[in-house]
Structures are given as structure tokens and as C-alpha cells.
Amino acid sequence: MAQGQTPVTAEDGLTTRQRRTSPLVVVHSGEGKGKSTAAFGLALRGWSQGWSIGVFQFVKSAKWRIGEETALLALDEVHRSTGQGGPVQWNKMGSGWSWSRKAGTEEDHAADAREGWAEIKRRLAEQAHTLYVLDEFTYPMKWGWVDVDDVVDTLQSRPGYQHVVITGRNPDPRLLSVADVATEMTKLAHPFDRGQKGQKGIEW
């Protein structure tokens, strides 16, 4: 594809500028590694544009300290002290979000996920962020903890200029039907296949 040229001519009646500034729904799925990493890469690009970044982790333990979290929160401090970039909020289970305080039964986790999604809906309605990273969010939908139709309706009707990136395996077809960008990570080889566990700087 030639630089700056698309393979088809759009017939949506929008100007080139309007089309290039449309809010997107992005889904990163597949069996391969790198889904969250790619989403956080988009967050770095958004931060450099001065966007407000909201990260919401649905599955990872609150005890895990991942490199992207450390880096993005450091960039939030840069924004606060210098005005460069944009603000960053990182929300995960056990880190000041009320939906993490309950006991660990399956129904508790389902209630947690529903409360977390309700918070995201509130922020979308308020246009609180420019870019939302909903990390591992396909799983609460797959397990029936969050209503897929509600997610789809909310994404389609969200106001203003708000990008939403969702990561995780096995996304529901209804979610994919409203995705502007959908990428599947395919594993060709990985040290896990040789019995090697994850290592710092690569997996976290």
C-alpha cells in the first residue's frame, strides 16, 4: 500500500480530516502474546498527544506490578509536574477501586466485574478520558459477568471523541461487529513451549 493511500475510496460523506479524527473501537485478541503490550503502546502514543488515558484491568492480580503500569504512572507524574503529555489513571483490582474489596467467590468476581463496567460507563458518559484501555475485558464478557449487548450499545452510543481499546482472547462476535480495528495475535513460537516461564522485561 502506497504511503498515505488507502486500498478503497470511502463513501461515507466525511471529509478527510473528519475521517482521520474519528473515535475508534479497537480489539486485540488471539492466542499469541502481545495483546496488552500493543494496547499500552497506543496509550503511549495517546499520552504524547496530550490525551487523558484511563486503564482498567479486569483479570490481572492487584499484586502484580507490570512494567507498563510503572512507565505510564511515571508519565502521569511528568504531566503533573511539567504539563507535557496527558494525565493517566490506572485502575485494577485491589488498587483503590471498590469492586475489588469483596471475597473471592465466582459470584463476587462477577459482581466486581459488573461494578467495574458500570464505572467505565459513567466515565464514557462524562467523557472522562480520550483513550480507554480495557485490559482482559473479553473474559468477563465470555463468562457472562458483563452483558455483551450492553457493552456494544454503550460503545456505539458513546459521546464525543473517545477511543476504546479492548484486549483478551475469544472476543464475542457482537463486539467484533462494532470494532473499527480488530487484530489477532498468532503465536508462531514462544519459550513457554519449552517449559520456560515468563521473564522480567519480556512478559512483565
Protein backbone atom coordinates (compact mmCIF):
# COMPACT_ATOMS: atom_id res chain seq x y z
CA MET A 1 0.00 0.00 0.00
CA ALA A 2 1.45 3.37 -1.02
CA GLN A 3 2.22 5.75 1.79
CA GLY A 4 -0.87 7.79 2.68
CA GLN A 5 -3.05 5.84 0.23
CA THR A 6 -5.96 3.59 1.27
CA PRO A 7 -6.94 0.49 -0.77
CA VAL A 8 -10.55 1.70 -1.12
CA THR A 9 -12.30 5.03 -1.54
CA ALA A 10 -14.60 5.84 1.36
CA GLU A 11 -18.16 6.83 0.51
CA ASP A 12 -19.33 7.99 3.94
CA GLY A 13 -19.58 11.66 3.04
CA LEU A 14 -16.95 12.68 5.60
CA THR A 15 -14.04 14.96 4.88
CA THR A 16 -10.52 13.56 5.09
CA ARG A 17 -9.99 15.45 8.34
CA GLN A 18 -13.24 14.13 9.85
CA ARG A 19 -12.37 10.59 8.87
CA ARG A 20 -8.88 10.83 10.36
CA THR A 21 -10.22 12.09 13.68
CA SER A 22 -12.98 9.54 14.22
CA PRO A 23 -13.12 7.80 17.62
CA LEU A 24 -12.29 4.11 17.28
CA VAL A 25 -13.12 0.82 18.95
CA VAL A 26 -10.01 -1.39 18.81
CA VAL A 27 -9.88 -5.09 19.75
CA HIS A 28 -6.64 -7.03 20.31
CA SER A 29 -7.29 -10.77 20.50
CA GLY A 30 -5.73 -14.11 19.63
CA GLU A 31 -3.72 -16.89 21.26
CA GLY A 32 -0.40 -15.11 20.87
CA LYS A 33 1.31 -12.82 23.34
CA GLY A 34 1.34 -9.04 22.93
CA LYS A 35 -2.32 -8.04 23.12
CA SER A 36 -1.94 -5.85 26.20
CA THR A 37 1.50 -4.67 25.15
CA ALA A 38 0.08 -3.35 21.87
CA ALA A 39 -2.74 -1.59 23.73
CA PHE A 40 -0.30 0.09 26.10
CA GLY A 41 1.76 1.16 23.09
CA LEU A 42 -1.32 3.00 21.84
CA ALA A 43 -1.61 4.57 25.29
CA LEU A 44 1.93 5.91 24.94
CA ARG A 45 1.08 7.45 21.59
CA GLY A 46 -2.07 8.99 23.05
CA TRP A 47 -0.18 10.37 26.04
CA SER A 48 2.23 12.14 23.67
CA GLN A 49 -0.81 13.81 22.05
CA GLY A 50 -1.94 15.15 25.42
CA TRP A 51 -4.83 12.70 25.75
CA SER A 52 -6.30 11.62 29.05
CA ILE A 53 -5.60 7.89 29.42
CA GLY A 54 -7.74 5.53 31.51
CA VAL A 55 -6.52 1.95 32.03
CA PHE A 56 -8.88 -0.64 33.54
CA GLN A 57 -7.57 -4.13 34.27
CA PHE A 58 -10.20 -6.80 34.80
CA VAL A 59 -8.29 -10.04 35.42
CA LYS A 60 -4.69 -9.42 36.47
CA SER A 61 -3.97 -9.60 40.20
CA ALA A 62 -3.58 -6.36 42.09
CA LYS A 63 -0.31 -7.75 43.45
CA TRP A 64 1.27 -7.81 40.02
CA ARG A 65 3.44 -4.82 39.23
CA ILE A 66 3.84 -4.67 35.47
CA GLY A 67 6.28 -2.50 33.58
CA GLU A 68 3.67 -0.64 31.57
CA GLU A 69 1.94 0.44 34.77
CA THR A 70 5.18 1.79 36.20
CA ALA A 71 6.01 3.63 32.97
CA LEU A 72 2.57 5.15 32.40
CA LEU A 73 2.20 6.30 36.01
CA ALA A 74 5.65 7.88 35.74
CA LEU A 75 4.40 9.72 32.65
CA ASP A 76 1.41 10.89 34.67
CA GLU A 77 3.88 12.44 37.11
CA VAL A 78 5.67 14.08 34.18
CA HIS A 79 2.37 15.56 33.08
CA ARG A 80 1.58 16.83 36.56
CA SER A 81 4.99 18.45 37.02
CA THR A 82 5.64 19.78 33.51
CA GLY A 83 2.33 19.83 31.64
CA GLN A 84 3.80 17.59 28.97
CA GLY A 85 1.61 14.79 27.61
CA GLY A 86 -1.67 13.93 29.31
CA PRO A 87 -2.99 12.56 32.61
CA VAL A 88 -3.03 8.81 33.25
CA GLN A 89 -5.30 6.86 35.59
CA TRP A 90 -4.59 3.16 36.21
CA ASN A 91 -7.40 1.12 37.78
CA LYS A 92 -7.04 -2.52 38.79
CA MET A 93 -8.39 -4.91 41.35
CA GLY A 94 -7.07 -4.05 44.81
CA SER A 95 -5.78 -0.61 43.88
CA GLY A 96 -8.39 1.75 45.24
CA TRP A 97 -11.31 0.55 43.15
CA SER A 98 -14.32 -0.52 45.20
CA TRP A 99 -15.08 -3.56 43.06
CA SER A 100 -12.02 -5.39 44.48
CA ARG A 101 -12.91 -5.48 48.16
CA LYS A 102 -15.23 -8.47 48.22
CA ALA A 103 -14.45 -12.12 48.92
CA GLY A 104 -13.15 -14.36 46.18
CA THR A 105 -16.15 -16.46 45.10
CA GLU A 106 -17.17 -16.58 41.44
CA GLU A 107 -20.31 -14.57 42.12
CA ASP A 108 -18.23 -11.98 43.96
CA HIS A 109 -15.92 -11.67 40.97
CA ALA A 110 -18.92 -11.36 38.66
CA ALA A 111 -20.31 -8.57 40.83
CA ASP A 112 -16.89 -6.94 40.80
CA ALA A 113 -16.77 -7.01 37.02
CA ARG A 114 -20.25 -5.55 36.72
CA GLU A 115 -19.34 -2.73 39.08
CA GLY A 116 -16.15 -2.08 37.15
CA TRP A 117 -18.06 -1.91 33.87
CA ALA A 118 -20.59 0.44 35.46
CA GLU A 119 -17.73 2.77 36.40
CA ILE A 120 -16.43 2.72 32.83
CA LYS A 121 -19.92 3.51 31.54
CA ARG A 122 -20.08 6.50 33.86
CA ARG A 123 -16.75 7.78 32.62
CA LEU A 124 -17.74 7.30 28.98
CA ALA A 125 -20.92 9.28 29.61
CA GLU A 126 -18.88 12.03 31.26
CA GLN A 127 -16.20 11.88 28.51
CA ALA A 128 -13.60 11.49 31.24
CA HIS A 129 -10.81 10.12 29.02
CA THR A 130 -9.73 10.26 25.41
CA LEU A 131 -8.34 6.71 25.36
CA TYR A 132 -9.63 3.79 27.43
CA VAL A 133 -7.63 0.57 27.70
CA LEU A 134 -9.95 -2.21 28.91
CA ASP A 135 -7.35 -4.89 29.55
CA GLU A 136 -8.51 -8.55 29.59
CA PHE A 137 -12.11 -7.32 29.22
CA THR A 138 -13.14 -10.08 26.81
CA TYR A 139 -13.11 -12.57 29.68
CA PRO A 140 -15.88 -11.02 31.84
CA MET A 141 -18.00 -10.90 28.70
CA LYS A 142 -17.20 -14.52 27.81
CA TRP A 143 -18.01 -15.72 31.34
CA GLY A 144 -21.34 -13.87 31.35
CA TRP A 145 -20.32 -11.46 34.10
CA VAL A 146 -20.88 -8.42 31.86
CA ASP A 147 -23.69 -8.19 29.32
CA VAL A 148 -22.22 -8.10 25.82
CA ASP A 149 -25.20 -6.29 24.29
CA ASP A 150 -24.85 -3.57 26.93
CA VAL A 151 -21.17 -3.19 26.09
CA VAL A 152 -21.91 -2.98 22.37
CA ASP A 153 -24.72 -0.46 22.84
CA THR A 154 -22.56 1.68 25.13
CA LEU A 155 -19.64 1.69 22.73
CA GLN A 156 -21.83 2.59 19.78
CA SER A 157 -23.57 5.45 21.60
CA ARG A 158 -20.56 6.90 23.48
CA PRO A 159 -20.39 10.67 23.05
CA GLY A 160 -17.55 12.85 21.89
CA TYR A 161 -14.05 11.80 20.89
CA GLN A 162 -13.25 8.67 22.92
CA HIS A 163 -11.15 5.73 21.73
CA VAL A 164 -11.67 2.35 23.41
CA VAL A 165 -9.16 -0.50 23.21
CA ILE A 166 -10.21 -3.95 24.46
CA THR A 167 -7.82 -6.87 24.90
CA GLY A 168 -8.26 -10.59 25.54
CA ARG A 169 -8.86 -13.90 23.84
CA ASN A 170 -12.06 -15.10 22.18
CA PRO A 171 -13.91 -11.79 21.73
CA ASP A 172 -17.64 -12.12 21.24
CA PRO A 173 -18.72 -11.75 17.58
CA ARG A 174 -21.06 -8.94 18.64
CA LEU A 175 -18.06 -6.99 19.93
CA LEU A 176 -16.11 -7.62 16.74
CA SER A 177 -19.07 -6.38 14.69
CA VAL A 178 -18.62 -2.86 16.12
CA ALA A 179 -14.81 -2.84 16.12
CA ASP A 180 -13.15 -0.38 13.78
CA VAL A 181 -9.82 -2.19 14.21
CA ALA A 182 -9.52 -5.87 15.16
CA THR A 183 -6.17 -7.62 15.33
CA GLU A 184 -5.47 -11.25 16.17
CA MET A 185 -2.11 -12.13 17.70
CA THR A 186 -0.96 -15.51 16.35
CA LYS A 187 1.70 -17.46 18.21
CA LEU A 188 4.37 -18.92 15.94
CA ALA A 189 6.86 -19.76 18.71
CA HIS A 190 7.30 -18.97 22.40
CA PRO A 191 9.67 -20.08 25.21
CA PHE A 192 6.59 -21.29 27.14
CA ASP A 193 6.50 -24.19 24.67
CA ARG A 194 9.90 -25.31 26.02
CA GLY A 195 8.81 -25.07 29.63
CA GLN A 196 10.41 -21.68 30.21
CA LYS A 197 8.46 -19.33 32.47
CA GLY A 198 7.97 -15.63 31.82
CA GLN A 199 10.84 -13.29 32.45
CA LYS A 200 11.14 -9.69 33.59
CA GLY A 201 11.28 -7.19 30.76
CA ILE A 202 9.54 -9.58 28.36
CA GLU A 203 6.30 -10.82 29.94
CA TRP A 204 6.10 -8.14 32.65
